[in-house]
Protein backbone atom coordinates (compact mmCIF):
# COMPACT_ATOMS: atom_id res chain seq x y z
CA UNK A 1 25.00 -4.92 -1.28
CA UNK A 2 23.16 -1.63 -1.42
CA UNK A 3 20.32 -0.12 -3.43
CA UNK A 4 20.46 3.13 -5.39
CA UNK A 5 17.14 5.00 -5.65
CA UNK A 6 17.20 7.77 -8.25
CA UNK A 7 14.60 10.47 -7.70
CA UNK A 8 14.21 9.03 -4.22
CA UNK A 9 13.25 12.38 -2.66
CA UNK A 10 10.20 12.65 -4.91
CA UNK A 11 6.66 11.46 -4.24
CA UNK A 12 6.87 7.83 -5.33
CA UNK A 13 10.60 7.38 -4.80
CA UNK A 14 10.46 8.57 -1.19
CA UNK A 15 7.66 6.14 -0.33
CA UNK A 16 9.67 3.28 -1.81
CA UNK A 17 12.79 4.47 0.03
CA UNK A 18 10.85 4.54 3.29
CA UNK A 19 9.53 1.02 2.78
CA UNK A 20 13.02 -0.20 1.89
CA UNK A 21 14.44 1.36 5.07
CA UNK A 22 11.67 -0.13 7.18
CA UNK A 23 12.32 -3.57 5.69
CA UNK A 24 15.98 -3.46 6.77
CA UNK A 25 17.64 -2.15 3.60
CA UNK A 26 19.77 0.98 3.44
CA UNK A 27 18.89 2.78 0.21
CA UNK A 28 21.18 5.44 -1.22
CA UNK A 29 19.17 8.34 -2.66
CA UNK A 30 20.32 10.26 -5.75
CA UNK A 31 18.21 13.35 -6.40
CA UNK A 32 18.87 16.85 -7.73
CA UNK A 33 15.93 18.12 -5.66
CA UNK A 34 14.37 19.90 -8.64
CA UNK A 35 11.10 18.15 -7.80
CA UNK A 36 12.09 16.30 -4.64
CA UNK A 37 12.35 17.31 -0.99
CA UNK A 38 14.89 16.40 1.68
CA UNK A 39 12.02 16.33 4.18
CA UNK A 40 10.54 13.34 2.36
CA UNK A 41 13.42 11.16 3.58
CA UNK A 42 12.25 10.41 7.09
CA UNK A 43 14.55 7.48 8.00
CA UNK A 44 17.91 9.22 7.62
CA UNK A 45 18.53 7.72 4.21
CA UNK A 46 21.82 8.80 2.65
CA UNK A 47 21.16 11.57 0.11
CA UNK A 48 23.53 12.35 -2.74
CA UNK A 49 22.53 15.57 -4.47
CA UNK A 50 23.09 15.44 -8.22
CA UNK A 51 21.76 14.53 -11.63
CA UNK A 52 21.06 10.99 -12.76
CA UNK A 53 22.59 11.90 -16.14
CA UNK A 54 25.95 12.76 -14.53
CA UNK A 55 27.94 9.70 -15.56
CA UNK A 56 30.96 10.36 -13.35
CA UNK A 57 28.82 10.99 -10.27
CA UNK A 58 26.67 7.90 -10.79
CA UNK A 59 29.77 5.75 -11.37
CA UNK A 60 31.36 7.00 -8.15
CA UNK A 61 28.18 6.37 -6.14
CA UNK A 62 27.83 2.83 -7.48
CA UNK A 63 31.45 2.06 -6.61
CA UNK A 64 31.48 3.80 -3.22
CA UNK A 65 28.34 2.11 -1.93
CA UNK A 66 28.76 -1.20 -3.80
CA UNK A 67 25.40 -0.86 -5.50
CA UNK A 68 23.95 -4.07 -6.92
CA UNK A 69 20.41 -2.84 -7.61
CA UNK A 70 19.01 0.42 -9.01
CA UNK A 71 15.44 1.69 -8.72
CA UNK A 72 14.99 4.52 -11.21
CA UNK A 73 12.27 7.11 -10.52
CA UNK A 74 13.87 10.39 -11.61
CA UNK A 75 11.78 11.87 -14.44
CA UNK A 76 9.50 14.66 -15.61
CA UNK A 77 5.88 13.51 -15.47
CA UNK A 78 3.36 16.18 -16.55
CA UNK A 79 1.57 15.10 -19.74
CA UNK A 80 0.38 18.54 -20.98
CA UNK A 81 3.83 20.03 -20.36
CA UNK A 82 5.40 17.24 -22.41
CA UNK A 83 3.22 18.26 -25.35
CA UNK A 84 4.35 21.90 -25.15
CA UNK A 85 7.99 21.10 -24.28
CA UNK A 86 8.85 17.66 -25.70
CA UNK A 87 12.60 18.26 -25.70
CA UNK A 88 12.58 18.59 -21.90
CA UNK A 89 10.96 15.17 -21.63
CA UNK A 90 13.27 13.39 -24.04
CA UNK A 91 16.23 15.02 -22.31
CA UNK A 92 15.16 14.38 -18.71
CA UNK A 93 13.50 11.02 -19.23
CA UNK A 94 15.09 9.25 -22.20
CA UNK A 95 18.60 10.68 -22.44
CA UNK A 96 19.23 10.64 -18.69
CA UNK A 97 17.91 7.09 -18.47
CA UNK A 98 20.26 6.07 -21.29
CA UNK A 99 23.18 7.54 -19.36
CA UNK A 100 22.14 5.78 -16.18
CA UNK A 101 21.68 2.40 -17.85
CA UNK A 102 25.04 2.72 -19.59
CA UNK A 103 26.76 3.28 -16.24
CA UNK A 104 24.90 0.37 -14.66
CA UNK A 105 25.99 -1.95 -17.47
CA UNK A 106 29.60 -0.77 -17.22
CA UNK A 107 29.76 -1.06 -13.43
CA UNK A 108 28.13 -4.50 -13.28
CA UNK A 109 24.84 -3.58 -11.58
CA UNK A 110 22.74 -6.73 -11.47
CA UNK A 111 19.15 -5.52 -11.05
CA UNK A 112 17.26 -2.54 -12.45
CA UNK A 113 13.67 -1.53 -11.67
CA UNK A 114 12.26 1.12 -13.96
CA UNK A 115 9.44 3.47 -13.09
CA UNK A 116 7.32 3.57 -16.25
CA UNK A 117 3.74 4.55 -17.01
CA UNK A 118 0.43 3.46 -18.47
CA UNK A 119 0.85 6.42 -20.83
CA UNK A 120 2.94 4.13 -23.06
CA UNK A 121 -0.26 2.37 -24.20
CA UNK A 122 -2.09 5.30 -25.74
CA UNK A 123 -5.62 4.08 -26.47
CA UNK A 124 -5.86 0.37 -25.63
CA UNK A 125 -8.92 -1.55 -26.81
CA UNK A 126 -11.87 -1.03 -24.44
CA UNK A 127 -9.58 1.07 -22.24
CA UNK A 128 -8.10 -2.07 -20.64
CA UNK A 129 -4.32 -2.26 -21.01
CA UNK A 130 -2.33 -5.48 -20.71
CA UNK A 131 1.42 -5.79 -20.93
CA UNK A 132 1.38 -7.47 -24.34
CA UNK A 133 -0.64 -4.68 -25.99
CA UNK A 134 0.85 -2.55 -28.73
CA UNK A 135 2.32 0.63 -27.28
CA UNK A 136 1.28 3.79 -29.12
CA UNK A 137 1.72 6.75 -26.74
CA UNK A 138 -0.41 9.88 -27.14
CA UNK A 139 2.14 12.25 -25.60
CA UNK A 140 5.89 12.91 -25.56
CA UNK A 141 5.79 11.89 -21.90
CA UNK A 142 4.55 8.42 -22.80
CA UNK A 143 6.93 8.21 -25.76
CA UNK A 144 9.92 9.24 -23.64
CA UNK A 145 9.16 6.48 -21.17
CA UNK A 146 8.60 3.87 -23.87
CA UNK A 147 11.92 4.77 -25.51
CA UNK A 148 13.59 4.22 -22.14
CA UNK A 149 11.92 0.82 -21.83
CA UNK A 150 13.36 -0.20 -25.20
CA UNK A 151 16.84 0.99 -24.25
CA UNK A 152 16.68 -0.99 -21.02
CA UNK A 153 15.47 -4.13 -22.78
CA UNK A 154 18.21 -4.01 -25.43
CA UNK A 155 21.05 -3.17 -23.04
CA UNK A 156 19.96 -5.88 -20.60
CA UNK A 157 20.04 -8.44 -23.42
CA UNK A 158 23.67 -7.54 -24.13
CA UNK A 159 24.86 -7.40 -20.52
CA UNK A 160 24.35 -9.23 -17.23
CA UNK A 161 21.57 -6.89 -16.21
CA UNK A 162 18.07 -8.00 -15.27
CA UNK A 163 15.13 -5.66 -15.00
CA UNK A 164 11.51 -5.20 -14.05
CA UNK A 165 9.59 -2.43 -15.79
CA UNK A 166 6.64 -1.30 -13.70
CA UNK A 167 3.98 0.58 -15.65
CA UNK A 168 2.05 2.71 -13.17
CA UNK A 169 -1.54 3.73 -13.52
CA UNK A 170 -2.86 6.71 -11.49
CA UNK A 171 -0.96 6.91 -8.23
CA UNK A 172 -2.46 8.86 -5.33
CA UNK A 173 -2.80 8.91 -1.56
CA UNK A 174 -0.21 9.16 1.19
CA UNK A 175 1.41 7.14 3.95
CA UNK A 176 -1.53 5.96 6.14
CA UNK A 177 0.38 7.26 9.19
CA UNK A 178 0.56 10.62 7.42
CA UNK A 179 4.33 10.94 7.71
CA UNK A 180 4.90 11.36 3.97
CA UNK A 181 2.88 12.19 0.90
CA UNK A 182 2.83 14.19 -2.29
CA UNK A 183 4.54 17.57 -1.90
CA UNK A 184 4.59 18.50 -5.60
CA UNK A 185 4.25 22.20 -6.37
CA UNK A 186 1.74 23.08 -9.10
CA UNK A 187 0.45 19.50 -9.11
CA UNK A 188 -1.75 18.30 -11.96
CA UNK A 189 -2.82 14.94 -10.50
CA UNK A 190 -6.57 14.96 -9.87
CA UNK A 191 -6.71 13.70 -6.29
CA UNK A 192 -3.90 16.05 -5.19
CA UNK A 193 -5.70 18.97 -6.85
CA UNK A 194 -8.99 17.97 -5.22
CA UNK A 195 -7.37 17.86 -1.77
CA UNK A 196 -5.70 21.23 -2.29
CA UNK A 197 -9.12 22.67 -3.18
CA UNK A 198 -10.75 21.15 -0.11
CA UNK A 199 -8.20 22.75 2.24
CA UNK A 200 -8.45 26.11 0.49
CA UNK A 201 -5.20 26.19 -1.50
CA UNK A 202 -7.15 26.37 -4.77
CA UNK A 203 -10.44 28.00 -5.66
CA UNK A 204 -11.78 25.14 -7.77
CA UNK A 205 -11.13 21.83 -9.49
CA UNK A 206 -10.99 22.00 -13.27
CA UNK A 207 -12.50 19.02 -15.11
CA UNK A 208 -10.88 18.51 -18.51
CA UNK A 209 -13.47 17.07 -20.86
CA UNK A 210 -17.09 16.02 -20.43
CA UNK A 211 -17.66 14.40 -23.81
CA UNK A 212 -15.65 11.19 -23.54
CA UNK A 213 -17.40 7.90 -24.32
CA UNK A 214 -17.66 6.97 -20.65
CA UNK A 215 -20.56 6.49 -18.24
CA UNK A 216 -20.63 10.18 -17.28
CA UNK A 217 -18.53 11.80 -20.02
CA UNK A 218 -15.41 12.33 -17.89
CA UNK A 219 -12.14 10.39 -18.08
CA UNK A 220 -11.85 7.07 -16.26
CA UNK A 221 -8.62 6.01 -14.58
CA UNK A 222 -7.31 3.19 -12.40
CA UNK A 223 -6.38 4.94 -9.13
CA UNK A 224 -3.86 3.07 -6.95
CA UNK A 225 -2.74 3.87 -3.42
CA UNK A 226 0.90 4.94 -3.17
CA UNK A 227 1.60 2.35 -0.44
CA UNK A 228 0.43 -0.53 -2.64
CA UNK A 229 2.49 0.79 -5.53
CA UNK A 230 5.60 1.13 -3.36
CA UNK A 231 5.16 -2.40 -2.05
CA UNK A 232 5.24 -3.71 -5.62
CA UNK A 233 8.79 -2.36 -5.98
CA UNK A 234 10.06 -4.30 -2.99
CA UNK A 235 8.47 -7.45 -4.36
CA UNK A 236 10.00 -6.77 -7.78
CA UNK A 237 13.44 -6.43 -6.19
CA UNK A 238 13.00 -9.72 -4.34
CA UNK A 239 11.87 -11.30 -7.61
CA UNK A 240 15.05 -10.26 -9.41
CA UNK A 241 17.35 -11.21 -6.54
CA UNK A 242 15.84 -14.69 -6.60
CA UNK A 243 17.19 -15.06 -10.14
CA UNK A 244 13.90 -14.64 -11.99
CA UNK A 245 13.89 -13.35 -15.59
CA UNK A 246 13.31 -9.78 -16.70
CA UNK A 247 9.70 -8.73 -17.17
CA UNK A 248 7.27 -5.86 -17.62
CA UNK A 249 4.30 -5.48 -15.28
CA UNK A 250 1.28 -3.21 -14.93
CA UNK A 251 0.64 -1.84 -11.45
CA UNK A 252 -3.03 -1.05 -10.90
CA UNK A 253 -6.19 -2.44 -9.34
CA UNK A 254 -7.91 -3.42 -12.57
CA UNK A 255 -10.90 -1.14 -12.10
CA UNK A 256 -11.61 2.48 -12.91
CA UNK A 257 -13.29 5.58 -11.51
CA UNK A 258 -14.28 8.65 -13.48
CA UNK A 259 -13.23 12.19 -12.68
CA UNK A 260 -16.82 12.96 -11.66
CA UNK A 261 -16.86 9.93 -9.33
CA UNK A 262 -13.60 10.98 -7.69
CA UNK A 263 -15.06 14.43 -7.03
CA UNK A 264 -18.25 13.00 -5.51
CA UNK A 265 -16.32 10.62 -3.24
CA UNK A 266 -14.03 13.48 -2.17
CA UNK A 267 -17.04 15.60 -1.25
CA UNK A 268 -18.41 12.70 0.79
CA UNK A 269 -15.11 12.00 2.55
CA UNK A 270 -14.44 15.66 3.35
CA UNK A 271 -17.97 16.90 3.90
CA UNK A 272 -17.11 19.93 1.79
CA UNK A 273 -18.94 20.89 -1.42
CA UNK A 274 -16.01 22.51 -3.24
CA UNK A 275 -16.26 24.28 -6.59
CA UNK A 276 -15.59 22.66 -9.97
CA UNK A 277 -15.33 24.08 -13.49
CA UNK A 278 -15.76 22.20 -16.77
CA UNK A 279 -12.99 22.80 -19.31
CA UNK A 280 -12.09 21.37 -22.70
CA UNK A 281 -10.08 18.20 -23.21
CA UNK A 282 -6.33 18.28 -22.52
CA UNK A 283 -3.92 17.08 -25.21
CA UNK A 284 -2.53 13.61 -24.53
CA UNK A 285 -5.42 12.34 -22.38
CA UNK A 286 -7.05 8.97 -23.08
CA UNK A 287 -10.75 8.55 -22.29
CA UNK A 288 -10.35 5.28 -20.37
CA UNK A 289 -7.16 3.68 -19.06
CA UNK A 290 -7.40 0.73 -16.68
CA UNK A 291 -4.80 -1.92 -15.83
CA UNK A 292 -4.92 -5.61 -16.53
CA UNK A 293 -2.71 -6.49 -13.57
CA UNK A 294 -3.12 -10.25 -13.18
CA UNK A 295 0.53 -10.78 -14.14
CA UNK A 296 1.74 -8.66 -11.23
CA UNK A 297 -0.27 -10.69 -8.75
CA UNK A 298 0.80 -14.02 -10.25
CA UNK A 299 4.54 -13.34 -10.59
CA UNK A 300 5.17 -11.25 -7.49
CA UNK A 301 2.39 -12.39 -5.18
CA UNK A 302 1.28 -8.77 -4.88
CA UNK A 303 -1.77 -8.32 -2.65
CA UNK A 304 -2.97 -4.71 -2.33
CA UNK A 305 -3.95 -3.53 1.14
CA UNK A 306 -5.56 -0.18 0.32
CA UNK A 307 -7.82 -0.92 -2.65
CA UNK A 308 -10.40 1.75 -1.86
CA UNK A 309 -10.98 5.14 -3.48
CA UNK A 310 -12.26 6.43 -0.14
CA UNK A 311 -9.04 5.35 1.58
CA UNK A 312 -6.86 6.88 -1.14
CA UNK A 313 -8.65 10.22 -0.90
CA UNK A 314 -8.83 10.16 2.91
CA UNK A 315 -5.07 9.59 3.28
CA UNK A 316 -4.28 12.20 0.64
CA UNK A 317 -6.53 14.72 2.39
CA UNK A 318 -5.07 14.13 5.85
CA UNK A 319 -1.60 14.60 4.40
CA UNK A 320 -2.65 17.80 2.63
CA UNK A 321 -3.92 19.19 5.92
CA UNK A 322 -0.46 18.68 7.42
CA UNK A 323 1.41 20.54 4.68
């Protein structure tokens, strides 16, 4: 049986697709290329161009390729944009996910892995988020993802569909062999922005907020290497195929770095003292957001290989130099 990867030409989806291919699977990629790139598919994965919300197309792909498992990445992901244009996020993230899940249930797909986000938590106590915490998103982006989680949970309970929801923390870095990485245009992710500044694509790095209740006043996040995140998806798929029950898991290292710390490490790694500018807080940003990820390690046997901010930034920078 085959695997359908929606949004598989995007940053995270393409890394997962590559790891699937290298492990012997043959993933089928569904992507409308609005934010993805054909060049990100480096192992001749089959690409079907189209929208995940196109019910007829998704049904035909599932039948043609005998899909038994779906990994769903296709989504809009920029928090500030979700605040200014919430309808886009509920349409692209929630409604399209509803359509996809409905087709999966109808066509008898067995396993579903959903790309979710730590943004569902809002402001967890002490900034440490565990899966059982109350979800109270601060942005339409987080709300759109949490709505999708609820749809998946309820539909799975009524059909023979099992799932793993993976709630990502701050994903960064690139393939250590520098074959693939983040290609996003107008990126807002800190480490991507920092690397673009180092190589001269931007004039400066803007720091949004210096008055948070953190050790240096800037936001603290749990940064995770893209390769470790991608590996968690393969383990989650194995977990479901072994007959294990549906679950929700955080994917992070369980420790945080501030924006100021990321900038200092980037200057050290690159040897370049790039410019920064302090700005006001952005809407939808939490001061501290770090994963409690013990459950991921216990259930899936996940063992990160690249748990180093220096490594994350170094790989991201080498990739940026190649673009």
